[in-house]
Amino acid sequence: MGTTKITVETKVNADTKKVWEYWTQPEHITKWNFASEDWHCPKATNDLRVGGKLSSRMEAKDGSFGFDFNVIYDEVVPQKKISYTMEDGRKATTTFDAMGGRTKVTTTFDPESENPLEMQRSGWQAILDNFKKHTENN
């Protein structure tokens, strides 16, 4: 892990209260937390507090592959910012910026070393795009 960080962002047509709710509540996380239509997130739990744990299961719909995504929260500022550390020690921060009825969601994360940076950026951006779609359509 070097100093390289990757940033992805989107603007959601919803206020920060709704965006925060859809980002943090397990019943919503399972509806958007995957990078492509052939994947899904069958379960998620979230203890949203410093020292609390987010755990989500991501897997291919055909059952061919899956993994658990687990993080421990380092900072939680309601409707503003979430920072966490992943199991392998990498860190990520997501911010929620109010823009007059819209919310800019920005995530900056430490990449892992096994996959190309662009592949990681694309995957995290796809998840963020799914989040935007789910939030705006519900």
N, C-alpha and C. Protein backbone atom coordinates (compact mmCIF):
# COMPACT_ATOMS: atom_id res chain seq x y z
N MET A 1 0.83 -1.18 0.00
CA MET A 1 0.00 0.00 0.00
C MET A 1 0.88 1.25 0.00
N GLY A 2 0.80 1.99 -1.06
CA GLY A 2 1.56 3.23 -1.12
C GLY A 2 0.67 4.39 -0.72
N THR A 3 0.97 5.54 -1.30
CA THR A 3 0.19 6.72 -0.97
C THR A 3 -0.95 6.94 -1.96
N THR A 4 -1.04 6.08 -2.98
CA THR A 4 -2.09 6.21 -3.97
C THR A 4 -3.45 5.99 -3.31
N LYS A 5 -4.36 6.91 -3.58
CA LYS A 5 -5.74 6.75 -3.13
C LYS A 5 -6.62 6.90 -4.35
N ILE A 6 -7.79 6.29 -4.30
CA ILE A 6 -8.74 6.38 -5.40
C ILE A 6 -9.98 7.09 -4.89
N THR A 7 -10.52 8.00 -5.68
CA THR A 7 -11.73 8.72 -5.30
C THR A 7 -12.81 8.51 -6.35
N VAL A 8 -14.01 8.20 -5.87
CA VAL A 8 -15.19 8.09 -6.73
C VAL A 8 -16.27 8.99 -6.13
N GLU A 9 -17.16 9.49 -6.99
CA GLU A 9 -18.22 10.36 -6.47
C GLU A 9 -19.44 10.34 -7.37
N THR A 10 -20.54 10.77 -6.79
CA THR A 10 -21.78 10.92 -7.54
C THR A 10 -22.61 12.00 -6.87
N LYS A 11 -23.55 12.56 -7.61
CA LYS A 11 -24.50 13.51 -7.04
C LYS A 11 -25.88 12.85 -7.06
N VAL A 12 -26.49 12.73 -5.87
CA VAL A 12 -27.77 12.05 -5.72
C VAL A 12 -28.87 13.10 -5.58
N ASN A 13 -29.95 12.91 -6.33
CA ASN A 13 -31.08 13.83 -6.25
C ASN A 13 -31.94 13.48 -5.04
N ALA A 14 -31.39 13.73 -3.85
CA ALA A 14 -32.07 13.50 -2.58
C ALA A 14 -31.32 14.29 -1.51
N ASP A 15 -32.03 14.64 -0.43
CA ASP A 15 -31.37 15.39 0.64
C ASP A 15 -30.47 14.46 1.46
N THR A 16 -29.61 15.06 2.27
CA THR A 16 -28.62 14.26 3.02
C THR A 16 -29.27 13.32 4.02
N LYS A 17 -30.43 13.67 4.54
CA LYS A 17 -31.12 12.78 5.49
C LYS A 17 -31.47 11.45 4.82
N LYS A 18 -32.08 11.52 3.64
CA LYS A 18 -32.44 10.29 2.92
C LYS A 18 -31.18 9.55 2.46
N VAL A 19 -30.22 10.28 1.93
CA VAL A 19 -28.98 9.65 1.45
C VAL A 19 -28.29 8.90 2.59
N TRP A 20 -28.19 9.52 3.75
CA TRP A 20 -27.56 8.89 4.92
C TRP A 20 -28.31 7.61 5.29
N GLU A 21 -29.63 7.70 5.33
CA GLU A 21 -30.47 6.55 5.69
C GLU A 21 -30.24 5.39 4.71
N TYR A 22 -30.26 5.68 3.42
CA TYR A 22 -30.11 4.64 2.41
C TYR A 22 -28.68 4.08 2.38
N TRP A 23 -27.69 4.89 2.76
CA TRP A 23 -26.29 4.45 2.80
C TRP A 23 -26.01 3.55 3.99
N THR A 24 -26.72 3.78 5.11
CA THR A 24 -26.35 3.13 6.37
C THR A 24 -27.29 2.03 6.84
N GLN A 25 -28.51 1.96 6.35
CA GLN A 25 -29.46 0.97 6.85
C GLN A 25 -29.37 -0.33 6.04
N PRO A 26 -29.18 -1.46 6.75
CA PRO A 26 -28.99 -2.75 6.07
C PRO A 26 -30.06 -3.09 5.04
N GLU A 27 -31.32 -2.74 5.30
CA GLU A 27 -32.38 -3.07 4.34
C GLU A 27 -32.20 -2.33 3.02
N HIS A 28 -31.46 -1.24 3.03
CA HIS A 28 -31.14 -0.53 1.79
C HIS A 28 -29.79 -0.99 1.22
N ILE A 29 -28.81 -1.23 2.10
CA ILE A 29 -27.47 -1.65 1.65
C ILE A 29 -27.58 -2.88 0.74
N THR A 30 -28.46 -3.82 1.11
CA THR A 30 -28.59 -5.04 0.31
C THR A 30 -29.18 -4.78 -1.08
N LYS A 31 -29.76 -3.61 -1.28
CA LYS A 31 -30.39 -3.29 -2.57
C LYS A 31 -29.43 -2.61 -3.56
N TRP A 32 -28.27 -2.12 -3.07
CA TRP A 32 -27.37 -1.39 -3.97
C TRP A 32 -25.89 -1.81 -3.88
N ASN A 33 -25.51 -2.59 -2.90
CA ASN A 33 -24.09 -2.86 -2.63
C ASN A 33 -23.50 -3.98 -3.49
N PHE A 34 -23.43 -3.72 -4.80
CA PHE A 34 -22.80 -4.66 -5.74
C PHE A 34 -22.44 -3.88 -6.99
N ALA A 35 -21.46 -4.39 -7.74
CA ALA A 35 -20.91 -3.63 -8.86
C ALA A 35 -21.56 -3.93 -10.21
N SER A 36 -22.27 -5.05 -10.32
CA SER A 36 -22.90 -5.37 -11.61
C SER A 36 -24.18 -6.16 -11.37
N GLU A 37 -25.02 -6.22 -12.39
CA GLU A 37 -26.33 -6.85 -12.26
C GLU A 37 -26.27 -8.36 -12.00
N ASP A 38 -25.12 -8.99 -12.29
CA ASP A 38 -25.01 -10.44 -12.04
C ASP A 38 -24.50 -10.73 -10.63
N TRP A 39 -24.37 -9.69 -9.83
CA TRP A 39 -24.00 -9.83 -8.42
C TRP A 39 -25.13 -9.31 -7.55
N HIS A 40 -25.09 -9.67 -6.27
CA HIS A 40 -26.04 -9.13 -5.31
C HIS A 40 -25.41 -9.10 -3.93
N CYS A 41 -26.13 -8.50 -2.99
CA CYS A 41 -25.70 -8.39 -1.60
C CYS A 41 -26.82 -8.98 -0.76
N PRO A 42 -26.78 -10.30 -0.52
CA PRO A 42 -27.90 -10.95 0.16
C PRO A 42 -28.08 -10.59 1.63
N LYS A 43 -27.01 -10.10 2.29
CA LYS A 43 -27.19 -9.71 3.69
C LYS A 43 -26.19 -8.65 4.09
N ALA A 44 -26.62 -7.85 5.07
CA ALA A 44 -25.75 -6.80 5.60
C ALA A 44 -26.17 -6.52 7.04
N THR A 45 -25.19 -6.22 7.88
CA THR A 45 -25.45 -5.75 9.24
C THR A 45 -24.60 -4.50 9.43
N ASN A 46 -25.10 -3.57 10.24
CA ASN A 46 -24.37 -2.32 10.41
C ASN A 46 -24.54 -1.78 11.83
N ASP A 47 -23.43 -1.71 12.55
CA ASP A 47 -23.38 -1.12 13.88
C ASP A 47 -22.69 0.23 13.71
N LEU A 48 -23.48 1.26 13.38
CA LEU A 48 -22.96 2.55 12.95
C LEU A 48 -22.53 3.42 14.13
N ARG A 49 -21.31 3.17 14.60
CA ARG A 49 -20.70 3.96 15.68
C ARG A 49 -19.20 3.72 15.61
N VAL A 50 -18.43 4.63 16.18
CA VAL A 50 -16.97 4.43 16.23
C VAL A 50 -16.70 3.12 16.95
N GLY A 51 -15.92 2.25 16.31
CA GLY A 51 -15.64 0.92 16.84
C GLY A 51 -16.66 -0.12 16.42
N GLY A 52 -17.74 0.32 15.81
CA GLY A 52 -18.78 -0.59 15.33
C GLY A 52 -18.37 -1.22 14.01
N LYS A 53 -19.12 -2.24 13.59
CA LYS A 53 -18.74 -3.02 12.41
C LYS A 53 -19.85 -3.01 11.36
N LEU A 54 -19.44 -2.83 10.11
CA LEU A 54 -20.30 -3.05 8.95
C LEU A 54 -19.86 -4.37 8.35
N SER A 55 -20.82 -5.24 8.12
CA SER A 55 -20.53 -6.52 7.47
C SER A 55 -21.54 -6.73 6.36
N SER A 56 -21.05 -6.96 5.14
CA SER A 56 -21.96 -7.24 4.03
C SER A 56 -21.42 -8.41 3.22
N ARG A 57 -22.33 -9.21 2.71
CA ARG A 57 -21.98 -10.35 1.88
C ARG A 57 -22.22 -9.97 0.43
N MET A 58 -21.20 -10.08 -0.40
CA MET A 58 -21.33 -9.78 -1.82
C MET A 58 -21.04 -11.07 -2.57
N GLU A 59 -21.94 -11.44 -3.49
CA GLU A 59 -21.70 -12.67 -4.24
C GLU A 59 -22.35 -12.66 -5.61
N ALA A 60 -21.77 -13.48 -6.50
CA ALA A 60 -22.35 -13.65 -7.83
C ALA A 60 -23.70 -14.35 -7.68
N LYS A 61 -24.68 -13.91 -8.46
CA LYS A 61 -26.01 -14.50 -8.36
C LYS A 61 -26.01 -15.99 -8.70
N ASP A 62 -25.05 -16.42 -9.54
CA ASP A 62 -24.99 -17.84 -9.90
C ASP A 62 -24.24 -18.68 -8.86
N GLY A 63 -23.79 -18.03 -7.78
CA GLY A 63 -23.12 -18.75 -6.70
C GLY A 63 -21.67 -19.10 -6.97
N SER A 64 -21.10 -18.63 -8.08
CA SER A 64 -19.74 -19.02 -8.44
C SER A 64 -18.65 -18.36 -7.60
N PHE A 65 -18.96 -17.23 -6.99
CA PHE A 65 -17.96 -16.53 -6.19
C PHE A 65 -18.67 -15.59 -5.22
N GLY A 66 -18.02 -15.33 -4.09
CA GLY A 66 -18.57 -14.39 -3.13
C GLY A 66 -17.55 -14.07 -2.07
N PHE A 67 -17.79 -12.99 -1.35
CA PHE A 67 -16.89 -12.62 -0.26
C PHE A 67 -17.63 -11.76 0.74
N ASP A 68 -17.08 -11.73 1.94
CA ASP A 68 -17.62 -10.87 2.99
C ASP A 68 -16.79 -9.60 3.02
N PHE A 69 -17.47 -8.47 3.08
CA PHE A 69 -16.82 -7.16 3.20
C PHE A 69 -17.08 -6.68 4.61
N ASN A 70 -16.01 -6.59 5.41
CA ASN A 70 -16.13 -6.21 6.82
C ASN A 70 -15.24 -5.01 7.10
N VAL A 71 -15.78 -4.03 7.82
CA VAL A 71 -15.02 -2.85 8.19
C VAL A 71 -15.34 -2.48 9.64
N ILE A 72 -14.42 -1.75 10.24
CA ILE A 72 -14.62 -1.18 11.58
C ILE A 72 -14.61 0.34 11.42
N TYR A 73 -15.62 0.99 11.97
CA TYR A 73 -15.73 2.44 11.84
C TYR A 73 -14.71 3.18 12.71
N ASP A 74 -14.03 4.16 12.10
CA ASP A 74 -13.07 5.01 12.79
C ASP A 74 -13.69 6.36 13.15
N GLU A 75 -14.61 6.82 12.31
CA GLU A 75 -15.26 8.12 12.53
C GLU A 75 -16.66 8.07 11.93
N VAL A 76 -17.63 8.58 12.67
CA VAL A 76 -19.01 8.66 12.18
C VAL A 76 -19.55 10.03 12.55
N VAL A 77 -19.81 10.85 11.55
CA VAL A 77 -20.42 12.17 11.74
C VAL A 77 -21.74 12.14 10.97
N PRO A 78 -22.88 11.97 11.68
CA PRO A 78 -24.17 11.78 11.01
C PRO A 78 -24.45 12.78 9.89
N GLN A 79 -24.83 12.22 8.74
CA GLN A 79 -25.17 12.96 7.53
C GLN A 79 -24.02 13.77 6.95
N LYS A 80 -22.78 13.51 7.42
CA LYS A 80 -21.61 14.26 6.93
C LYS A 80 -20.46 13.36 6.47
N LYS A 81 -20.07 12.39 7.32
CA LYS A 81 -18.83 11.66 7.04
C LYS A 81 -18.79 10.31 7.76
N ILE A 82 -18.23 9.32 7.07
CA ILE A 82 -17.97 8.00 7.64
C ILE A 82 -16.56 7.61 7.21
N SER A 83 -15.73 7.21 8.18
CA SER A 83 -14.39 6.68 7.87
C SER A 83 -14.28 5.30 8.51
N TYR A 84 -13.61 4.39 7.80
CA TYR A 84 -13.47 3.04 8.34
C TYR A 84 -12.19 2.39 7.89
N THR A 85 -11.87 1.30 8.57
CA THR A 85 -10.71 0.49 8.23
C THR A 85 -11.21 -0.90 7.82
N MET A 86 -10.76 -1.36 6.66
CA MET A 86 -11.12 -2.69 6.17
C MET A 86 -10.27 -3.75 6.88
N GLU A 87 -10.66 -5.01 6.76
CA GLU A 87 -9.96 -6.10 7.46
C GLU A 87 -8.47 -6.18 7.12
N ASP A 88 -8.11 -5.80 5.91
CA ASP A 88 -6.70 -5.88 5.51
C ASP A 88 -5.91 -4.61 5.87
N GLY A 89 -6.54 -3.69 6.60
CA GLY A 89 -5.84 -2.49 7.05
C GLY A 89 -6.03 -1.27 6.16
N ARG A 90 -6.61 -1.46 4.99
CA ARG A 90 -6.86 -0.32 4.11
C ARG A 90 -7.95 0.57 4.70
N LYS A 91 -7.91 1.84 4.36
CA LYS A 91 -8.87 2.80 4.90
C LYS A 91 -9.71 3.42 3.79
N ALA A 92 -10.90 3.89 4.19
CA ALA A 92 -11.78 4.58 3.25
C ALA A 92 -12.57 5.63 4.02
N THR A 93 -12.91 6.70 3.32
CA THR A 93 -13.74 7.76 3.88
C THR A 93 -14.80 8.14 2.86
N THR A 94 -16.04 8.25 3.33
CA THR A 94 -17.13 8.72 2.49
C THR A 94 -17.69 9.98 3.11
N THR A 95 -17.85 11.01 2.28
CA THR A 95 -18.43 12.27 2.74
C THR A 95 -19.76 12.51 2.02
N PHE A 96 -20.63 13.23 2.70
CA PHE A 96 -21.96 13.56 2.20
C PHE A 96 -22.11 15.07 2.26
N ASP A 97 -22.11 15.72 1.09
CA ASP A 97 -22.17 17.18 1.04
C ASP A 97 -23.51 17.65 0.50
N ALA A 98 -24.24 18.41 1.32
CA ALA A 98 -25.54 18.94 0.92
C ALA A 98 -25.34 19.97 -0.19
N MET A 99 -26.21 19.87 -1.22
CA MET A 99 -26.15 20.78 -2.36
C MET A 99 -27.56 21.25 -2.71
N GLY A 100 -28.28 21.80 -1.74
CA GLY A 100 -29.61 22.32 -2.00
C GLY A 100 -30.58 21.28 -2.51
N GLY A 101 -30.90 20.29 -1.69
CA GLY A 101 -31.83 19.23 -2.10
C GLY A 101 -31.16 18.05 -2.78
N ARG A 102 -29.90 18.21 -3.14
CA ARG A 102 -29.11 17.11 -3.70
C ARG A 102 -27.96 16.84 -2.73
N THR A 103 -27.32 15.69 -2.90
CA THR A 103 -26.20 15.34 -2.03
C THR A 103 -25.07 14.79 -2.88
N LYS A 104 -23.89 15.35 -2.69
CA LYS A 104 -22.69 14.81 -3.35
C LYS A 104 -22.08 13.79 -2.40
N VAL A 105 -21.94 12.56 -2.89
CA VAL A 105 -21.35 11.47 -2.12
C VAL A 105 -19.98 11.18 -2.72
N THR A 106 -18.95 11.28 -1.89
CA THR A 106 -17.58 11.07 -2.34
C THR A 106 -16.92 10.03 -1.46
N THR A 107 -16.34 9.00 -2.08
CA THR A 107 -15.59 7.99 -1.33
C THR A 107 -14.14 7.98 -1.82
N THR A 108 -13.22 8.06 -0.87
CA THR A 108 -11.79 7.96 -1.16
C THR A 108 -11.28 6.74 -0.40
N PHE A 109 -10.58 5.86 -1.11
CA PHE A 109 -10.14 4.61 -0.48
C PHE A 109 -8.73 4.23 -0.89
N ASP A 110 -8.09 3.44 -0.03
CA ASP A 110 -6.79 2.85 -0.33
C ASP A 110 -7.05 1.64 -1.22
N PRO A 111 -6.40 1.58 -2.38
CA PRO A 111 -6.59 0.40 -3.24
C PRO A 111 -5.87 -0.82 -2.68
N GLU A 112 -6.34 -1.99 -3.10
CA GLU A 112 -5.60 -3.21 -2.74
C GLU A 112 -4.57 -3.45 -3.83
N SER A 113 -3.69 -4.41 -3.64
CA SER A 113 -2.55 -4.58 -4.55
C SER A 113 -2.75 -5.67 -5.60
N GLU A 114 -3.88 -6.40 -5.56
CA GLU A 114 -4.05 -7.53 -6.47
C GLU A 114 -4.67 -7.16 -7.82
N ASN A 115 -5.47 -6.11 -7.87
CA ASN A 115 -6.16 -5.75 -9.11
C ASN A 115 -5.73 -4.37 -9.59
N PRO A 116 -5.80 -4.15 -10.92
CA PRO A 116 -5.41 -2.84 -11.46
C PRO A 116 -6.24 -1.71 -10.84
N LEU A 117 -5.60 -0.55 -10.68
CA LEU A 117 -6.27 0.60 -10.07
C LEU A 117 -7.56 0.96 -10.80
N GLU A 118 -7.52 0.96 -12.13
CA GLU A 118 -8.71 1.36 -12.90
C GLU A 118 -9.86 0.37 -12.67
N MET A 119 -9.55 -0.90 -12.53
CA MET A 119 -10.59 -1.90 -12.25
C MET A 119 -11.24 -1.63 -10.89
N GLN A 120 -10.41 -1.28 -9.90
CA GLN A 120 -10.93 -0.97 -8.57
C GLN A 120 -11.78 0.30 -8.61
N ARG A 121 -11.28 1.33 -9.29
CA ARG A 121 -12.04 2.57 -9.40
C ARG A 121 -13.39 2.31 -10.07
N SER A 122 -13.39 1.54 -11.15
CA SER A 122 -14.62 1.24 -11.87
C SER A 122 -15.61 0.46 -11.01
N GLY A 123 -15.10 -0.50 -10.24
CA GLY A 123 -15.97 -1.30 -9.38
C GLY A 123 -16.61 -0.47 -8.29
N TRP A 124 -15.83 0.36 -7.62
CA TRP A 124 -16.38 1.21 -6.55
C TRP A 124 -17.33 2.24 -7.14
N GLN A 125 -17.01 2.76 -8.34
CA GLN A 125 -17.90 3.73 -8.99
C GLN A 125 -19.22 3.06 -9.36
N ALA A 126 -19.17 1.83 -9.83
CA ALA A 126 -20.40 1.10 -10.19
C ALA A 126 -21.29 0.91 -8.97
N ILE A 127 -20.69 0.60 -7.82
CA ILE A 127 -21.46 0.46 -6.59
C ILE A 127 -22.11 1.80 -6.23
N LEU A 128 -21.35 2.88 -6.34
CA LEU A 128 -21.87 4.21 -6.06
C LEU A 128 -23.01 4.57 -7.02
N ASP A 129 -22.87 4.20 -8.28
CA ASP A 129 -23.93 4.44 -9.26
C ASP A 129 -25.19 3.65 -8.91
N ASN A 130 -25.02 2.40 -8.45
CA ASN A 130 -26.17 1.61 -7.98
C ASN A 130 -26.85 2.29 -6.80
N PHE A 131 -26.03 2.83 -5.90
CA PHE A 131 -26.58 3.54 -4.73
C PHE A 131 -27.43 4.72 -5.19
N LYS A 132 -26.91 5.51 -6.11
CA LYS A 132 -27.64 6.67 -6.63
C LYS A 132 -28.97 6.23 -7.22
N LYS A 133 -28.95 5.20 -8.05
CA LYS A 133 -30.16 4.71 -8.70
C LYS A 133 -31.18 4.23 -7.68
N HIS A 134 -30.74 3.43 -6.71
CA HIS A 134 -31.65 2.92 -5.68
C HIS A 134 -32.26 4.06 -4.87
N THR A 135 -31.43 5.01 -4.46
CA THR A 135 -31.90 6.12 -3.62
C THR A 135 -32.89 7.01 -4.37
N GLU A 136 -32.61 7.30 -5.61
CA GLU A 136 -33.49 8.19 -6.38
C GLU A 136 -34.79 7.52 -6.79
N ASN A 137 -34.78 6.20 -6.90
CA ASN A 137 -35.98 5.48 -7.38
C ASN A 137 -36.84 4.91 -6.28
N ASN A 138 -36.54 5.19 -5.03
CA ASN A 138 -37.32 4.65 -3.91
C ASN A 138 -37.71 5.74 -2.92
